[in-house]
Amino acid sequence: MGKGKTYLKKNDQVEVIAGKDKGRVGKVLKVFPADNNALVERVNMIKRHTKATEANQQGQIVHREARIHVSNLQLICPECTKTGRVGRKTLEDGTKIRFCKSCGESIESK
C-alpha cells in the first residue's frame, strides 16, 4: 500500500466535521498516512474487551480512541482560531510549510 498524503501532523488541534462526534475538538495523537486515518484525543471512543492475561489480573472493558478518517477532520488555525482549509507552499529557502487559506498565516508548530 502506497503512502497517502495528509495535511495533519501530530499535536494539531482539529475539529470533527462529520460522524457521531461532529463538533468535538481534540488533539491529534497519531497519524496513519497510508490509511488516511488519524487518532484524535477523546474522539471516536470505543469499548475494548480485554481478557485476563495473568492469574491476578481481571478481564475488563477499556474505553479508548479508534482511528477516524482525515476527511472527517478539519484543522483549527492557531492564529485565527477558525477551522479552515490547509494549503502548502515552498519558501525561498526550500522549506515546505502549511498555511491557513482563510488568514494566510503559517500553521507550522513553533
N, C-alpha and C. Protein backbone atom coordinates (compact mmCIF):
# COMPACT_ATOMS: atom_id res chain seq x y z
N MET A 1 0.85 -1.17 0.00
CA MET A 1 0.00 0.00 0.00
C MET A 1 0.89 1.24 0.00
N GLY A 2 0.64 2.19 -0.90
CA GLY A 2 1.45 3.39 -1.00
C GLY A 2 1.16 4.38 0.10
N LYS A 3 2.10 5.29 0.26
CA LYS A 3 1.93 6.31 1.29
C LYS A 3 0.94 7.36 0.81
N GLY A 4 -0.09 7.63 1.62
CA GLY A 4 -1.07 8.65 1.27
C GLY A 4 -0.57 10.03 1.68
N LYS A 5 -1.27 11.06 1.22
CA LYS A 5 -0.92 12.42 1.59
C LYS A 5 -1.95 12.93 2.58
N THR A 6 -1.50 13.53 3.65
CA THR A 6 -2.40 14.11 4.62
C THR A 6 -1.84 15.45 5.07
N TYR A 7 -2.73 16.36 5.40
CA TYR A 7 -2.34 17.70 5.83
C TYR A 7 -2.21 17.79 7.34
N LEU A 8 -2.45 16.68 8.06
CA LEU A 8 -2.41 16.68 9.51
C LEU A 8 -1.06 16.19 10.02
N LYS A 9 -0.69 16.71 11.20
CA LYS A 9 0.51 16.25 11.88
C LYS A 9 0.16 16.02 13.34
N LYS A 10 1.04 15.32 14.04
CA LYS A 10 0.85 15.08 15.46
C LYS A 10 0.78 16.41 16.22
N ASN A 11 -0.07 16.46 17.25
CA ASN A 11 -0.28 17.63 18.11
C ASN A 11 -1.07 18.77 17.46
N ASP A 12 -1.64 18.57 16.27
CA ASP A 12 -2.52 19.58 15.67
C ASP A 12 -3.87 19.57 16.39
N GLN A 13 -4.49 20.74 16.52
CA GLN A 13 -5.85 20.85 17.04
C GLN A 13 -6.80 20.69 15.87
N VAL A 14 -7.75 19.75 15.96
CA VAL A 14 -8.70 19.51 14.89
C VAL A 14 -10.12 19.49 15.42
N GLU A 15 -11.07 19.72 14.51
CA GLU A 15 -12.49 19.61 14.83
C GLU A 15 -13.08 18.55 13.93
N VAL A 16 -13.99 17.74 14.49
CA VAL A 16 -14.66 16.70 13.71
C VAL A 16 -15.82 17.37 12.97
N ILE A 17 -15.87 17.19 11.64
CA ILE A 17 -16.90 17.84 10.85
C ILE A 17 -17.97 16.88 10.35
N ALA A 18 -17.82 15.58 10.62
CA ALA A 18 -18.81 14.60 10.19
C ALA A 18 -18.75 13.39 11.11
N GLY A 19 -19.90 12.72 11.25
CA GLY A 19 -19.94 11.50 12.04
C GLY A 19 -20.57 11.71 13.40
N LYS A 20 -20.47 10.68 14.24
CA LYS A 20 -21.14 10.70 15.54
C LYS A 20 -20.56 11.72 16.49
N ASP A 21 -19.30 12.11 16.31
CA ASP A 21 -18.64 13.08 17.19
C ASP A 21 -18.54 14.46 16.55
N LYS A 22 -19.43 14.79 15.63
CA LYS A 22 -19.39 16.06 14.92
C LYS A 22 -19.40 17.23 15.90
N GLY A 23 -18.48 18.18 15.69
CA GLY A 23 -18.38 19.35 16.55
C GLY A 23 -17.37 19.23 17.66
N ARG A 24 -16.87 18.03 17.93
CA ARG A 24 -15.90 17.85 19.01
C ARG A 24 -14.51 18.28 18.54
N VAL A 25 -13.73 18.80 19.49
CA VAL A 25 -12.38 19.29 19.21
C VAL A 25 -11.40 18.44 19.99
N GLY A 26 -10.28 18.12 19.38
CA GLY A 26 -9.26 17.33 20.06
C GLY A 26 -7.90 17.48 19.42
N LYS A 27 -6.91 16.89 20.07
CA LYS A 27 -5.54 16.94 19.60
C LYS A 27 -5.20 15.64 18.87
N VAL A 28 -4.49 15.74 17.77
CA VAL A 28 -4.09 14.56 17.01
C VAL A 28 -2.99 13.84 17.78
N LEU A 29 -3.24 12.56 18.11
CA LEU A 29 -2.25 11.77 18.85
C LEU A 29 -1.30 11.04 17.91
N LYS A 30 -1.84 10.55 16.78
CA LYS A 30 -1.02 9.81 15.82
C LYS A 30 -1.68 9.89 14.46
N VAL A 31 -0.87 9.91 13.40
CA VAL A 31 -1.38 9.97 12.03
C VAL A 31 -0.93 8.71 11.30
N PHE A 32 -1.85 8.13 10.52
CA PHE A 32 -1.58 6.95 9.72
C PHE A 32 -1.73 7.33 8.24
N PRO A 33 -0.67 7.87 7.61
CA PRO A 33 -0.80 8.39 6.25
C PRO A 33 -1.16 7.33 5.21
N ALA A 34 -0.72 6.11 5.40
CA ALA A 34 -1.01 5.06 4.42
C ALA A 34 -2.50 4.75 4.34
N ASP A 35 -3.21 4.91 5.46
CA ASP A 35 -4.65 4.62 5.50
C ASP A 35 -5.50 5.88 5.51
N ASN A 36 -4.86 7.07 5.48
CA ASN A 36 -5.57 8.35 5.60
C ASN A 36 -6.42 8.42 6.86
N ASN A 37 -5.88 7.91 7.97
CA ASN A 37 -6.57 7.93 9.25
C ASN A 37 -5.74 8.67 10.28
N ALA A 38 -6.41 9.08 11.35
CA ALA A 38 -5.72 9.72 12.46
C ALA A 38 -6.37 9.29 13.76
N LEU A 39 -5.60 9.34 14.83
CA LEU A 39 -6.09 9.06 16.17
C LEU A 39 -6.20 10.40 16.89
N VAL A 40 -7.42 10.75 17.33
CA VAL A 40 -7.67 12.05 17.94
C VAL A 40 -8.10 11.85 19.38
N GLU A 41 -7.58 12.68 20.27
CA GLU A 41 -7.84 12.59 21.69
C GLU A 41 -9.33 12.74 22.00
N ARG A 42 -9.90 11.75 22.71
CA ARG A 42 -11.30 11.73 23.15
C ARG A 42 -12.32 11.85 22.00
N VAL A 43 -11.98 11.32 20.83
CA VAL A 43 -12.89 11.30 19.70
C VAL A 43 -12.98 9.88 19.18
N ASN A 44 -14.19 9.45 18.79
CA ASN A 44 -14.44 8.11 18.27
C ASN A 44 -14.07 7.04 19.30
N MET A 45 -14.59 7.20 20.51
CA MET A 45 -14.28 6.28 21.61
C MET A 45 -14.98 4.93 21.39
N ILE A 46 -14.24 3.86 21.66
CA ILE A 46 -14.78 2.51 21.55
C ILE A 46 -14.55 1.78 22.86
N LYS A 47 -15.27 0.67 23.04
CA LYS A 47 -15.07 -0.19 24.20
C LYS A 47 -14.30 -1.41 23.75
N ARG A 48 -13.18 -1.66 24.39
CA ARG A 48 -12.33 -2.80 24.06
C ARG A 48 -12.39 -3.78 25.21
N HIS A 49 -12.87 -5.00 24.94
CA HIS A 49 -12.96 -6.03 25.97
C HIS A 49 -11.65 -6.79 26.02
N THR A 50 -11.00 -6.78 27.18
CA THR A 50 -9.71 -7.45 27.32
C THR A 50 -9.85 -8.66 28.23
N LYS A 51 -9.12 -9.69 27.90
CA LYS A 51 -9.10 -10.91 28.71
C LYS A 51 -8.12 -10.77 29.86
N ALA A 52 -8.30 -11.58 30.87
CA ALA A 52 -7.33 -11.65 31.96
C ALA A 52 -6.12 -12.41 31.45
N THR A 53 -4.95 -11.78 31.48
CA THR A 53 -3.75 -12.43 30.95
C THR A 53 -2.97 -13.16 32.04
N GLU A 54 -3.07 -12.70 33.27
CA GLU A 54 -2.39 -13.36 34.38
C GLU A 54 -3.43 -13.78 35.41
N ALA A 55 -3.03 -14.63 36.33
CA ALA A 55 -3.97 -15.13 37.33
C ALA A 55 -4.49 -14.02 38.25
N ASN A 56 -3.65 -13.02 38.52
CA ASN A 56 -4.07 -11.98 39.45
C ASN A 56 -4.70 -10.77 38.75
N GLN A 57 -4.82 -10.85 37.42
CA GLN A 57 -5.40 -9.72 36.67
C GLN A 57 -6.81 -10.07 36.22
N GLN A 58 -7.73 -9.10 36.29
CA GLN A 58 -9.10 -9.34 35.86
C GLN A 58 -9.29 -8.89 34.42
N GLY A 59 -10.28 -9.51 33.76
CA GLY A 59 -10.71 -9.01 32.47
C GLY A 59 -11.47 -7.72 32.67
N GLN A 60 -11.42 -6.84 31.69
CA GLN A 60 -12.07 -5.55 31.86
C GLN A 60 -12.50 -4.97 30.52
N ILE A 61 -13.29 -3.92 30.57
CA ILE A 61 -13.70 -3.18 29.38
C ILE A 61 -12.95 -1.85 29.40
N VAL A 62 -12.13 -1.63 28.38
CA VAL A 62 -11.30 -0.43 28.31
C VAL A 62 -11.90 0.52 27.27
N HIS A 63 -12.07 1.79 27.65
CA HIS A 63 -12.52 2.81 26.70
C HIS A 63 -11.29 3.44 26.07
N ARG A 64 -11.23 3.46 24.74
CA ARG A 64 -10.08 4.07 24.07
C ARG A 64 -10.50 4.65 22.73
N GLU A 65 -9.61 5.44 22.15
CA GLU A 65 -9.89 6.08 20.88
C GLU A 65 -9.68 5.10 19.73
N ALA A 66 -10.51 5.24 18.71
CA ALA A 66 -10.32 4.48 17.48
C ALA A 66 -9.92 5.47 16.38
N ARG A 67 -9.39 4.95 15.30
CA ARG A 67 -8.99 5.80 14.18
C ARG A 67 -10.21 6.48 13.56
N ILE A 68 -9.98 7.64 12.98
CA ILE A 68 -11.02 8.36 12.26
C ILE A 68 -10.41 8.86 10.95
N HIS A 69 -11.19 8.85 9.88
CA HIS A 69 -10.68 9.24 8.57
C HIS A 69 -10.40 10.73 8.55
N VAL A 70 -9.31 11.14 7.87
CA VAL A 70 -8.92 12.54 7.87
C VAL A 70 -9.91 13.43 7.13
N SER A 71 -10.76 12.86 6.27
CA SER A 71 -11.76 13.67 5.57
C SER A 71 -12.84 14.14 6.53
N ASN A 72 -12.95 13.52 7.70
CA ASN A 72 -13.93 13.93 8.70
C ASN A 72 -13.34 14.91 9.70
N LEU A 73 -12.11 15.35 9.48
CA LEU A 73 -11.43 16.26 10.40
C LEU A 73 -11.06 17.54 9.67
N GLN A 74 -11.10 18.66 10.40
CA GLN A 74 -10.65 19.92 9.83
C GLN A 74 -9.74 20.61 10.84
N LEU A 75 -8.62 21.10 10.34
CA LEU A 75 -7.60 21.71 11.19
C LEU A 75 -8.07 23.06 11.72
N ILE A 76 -7.76 23.34 12.99
CA ILE A 76 -8.06 24.63 13.59
C ILE A 76 -6.78 25.47 13.52
N CYS A 77 -6.88 26.64 12.87
CA CYS A 77 -5.73 27.54 12.72
C CYS A 77 -5.37 28.14 14.06
N PRO A 78 -4.11 28.06 14.50
CA PRO A 78 -3.73 28.64 15.79
C PRO A 78 -3.75 30.17 15.78
N GLU A 79 -3.67 30.80 14.61
CA GLU A 79 -3.65 32.26 14.52
C GLU A 79 -5.06 32.85 14.58
N CYS A 80 -5.95 32.39 13.67
CA CYS A 80 -7.30 32.98 13.61
C CYS A 80 -8.32 32.16 14.39
N THR A 81 -7.93 31.03 14.96
CA THR A 81 -8.77 30.12 15.77
C THR A 81 -10.05 29.70 15.06
N LYS A 82 -10.00 29.59 13.73
CA LYS A 82 -11.14 29.10 12.96
C LYS A 82 -10.73 27.82 12.25
N THR A 83 -11.72 26.97 11.96
CA THR A 83 -11.41 25.81 11.14
C THR A 83 -11.36 26.26 9.70
N GLY A 84 -10.49 25.66 8.96
CA GLY A 84 -10.36 26.07 7.57
C GLY A 84 -9.53 25.09 6.79
N ARG A 85 -9.45 25.37 5.51
CA ARG A 85 -8.67 24.52 4.63
C ARG A 85 -7.18 24.84 4.78
N VAL A 86 -6.37 23.89 4.38
CA VAL A 86 -4.93 24.00 4.55
C VAL A 86 -4.27 23.99 3.19
N GLY A 87 -3.34 24.92 2.98
CA GLY A 87 -2.55 24.95 1.75
C GLY A 87 -1.11 24.61 2.06
N ARG A 88 -0.37 24.31 1.01
CA ARG A 88 1.06 24.03 1.16
C ARG A 88 1.82 24.93 0.22
N LYS A 89 2.95 25.45 0.69
CA LYS A 89 3.81 26.22 -0.20
C LYS A 89 5.26 26.04 0.22
N THR A 90 6.15 26.31 -0.74
CA THR A 90 7.57 26.21 -0.51
C THR A 90 8.14 27.61 -0.39
N LEU A 91 8.88 27.87 0.66
CA LEU A 91 9.50 29.18 0.86
C LEU A 91 10.75 29.31 0.00
N GLU A 92 11.33 30.52 -0.03
CA GLU A 92 12.51 30.78 -0.86
C GLU A 92 13.69 29.90 -0.47
N ASP A 93 13.81 29.58 0.85
CA ASP A 93 14.93 28.76 1.30
C ASP A 93 14.70 27.27 1.09
N GLY A 94 13.56 26.89 0.50
CA GLY A 94 13.30 25.49 0.17
C GLY A 94 12.50 24.72 1.19
N THR A 95 12.17 25.33 2.33
CA THR A 95 11.38 24.62 3.34
C THR A 95 9.91 24.66 2.96
N LYS A 96 9.24 23.55 3.19
CA LYS A 96 7.81 23.45 2.89
C LYS A 96 7.02 23.74 4.15
N ILE A 97 5.98 24.57 4.03
CA ILE A 97 5.15 24.90 5.17
C ILE A 97 3.68 24.69 4.81
N ARG A 98 2.85 24.55 5.87
CA ARG A 98 1.40 24.53 5.71
C ARG A 98 0.89 25.90 6.11
N PHE A 99 -0.16 26.38 5.43
CA PHE A 99 -0.71 27.68 5.79
C PHE A 99 -2.23 27.62 5.75
N CYS A 100 -2.86 28.49 6.55
CA CYS A 100 -4.31 28.60 6.64
C CYS A 100 -4.79 29.38 5.42
N LYS A 101 -5.75 28.84 4.68
CA LYS A 101 -6.22 29.51 3.48
C LYS A 101 -7.11 30.70 3.78
N SER A 102 -7.68 30.78 5.00
CA SER A 102 -8.55 31.91 5.31
C SER A 102 -7.76 33.14 5.77
N CYS A 103 -6.72 32.95 6.60
CA CYS A 103 -5.95 34.10 7.08
C CYS A 103 -4.57 34.20 6.45
N GLY A 104 -4.09 33.14 5.80
CA GLY A 104 -2.80 33.18 5.12
C GLY A 104 -1.60 32.96 6.00
N GLU A 105 -1.82 32.79 7.32
CA GLU A 105 -0.70 32.61 8.25
C GLU A 105 -0.19 31.17 8.23
N SER A 106 1.09 31.01 8.56
CA SER A 106 1.69 29.68 8.67
C SER A 106 1.13 28.97 9.90
N ILE A 107 0.87 27.66 9.77
CA ILE A 107 0.35 26.90 10.91
C ILE A 107 1.34 25.86 11.41
N GLU A 108 2.59 26.02 11.01
CA GLU A 108 3.60 25.09 11.50
C GLU A 108 3.86 25.35 12.97
N SER A 109 4.08 24.29 13.73
CA SER A 109 4.33 24.43 15.17
C SER A 109 5.69 25.10 15.38
N LYS A 110 5.71 26.03 16.31
CA LYS A 110 6.93 26.80 16.58
C LYS A 110 7.90 25.98 17.38
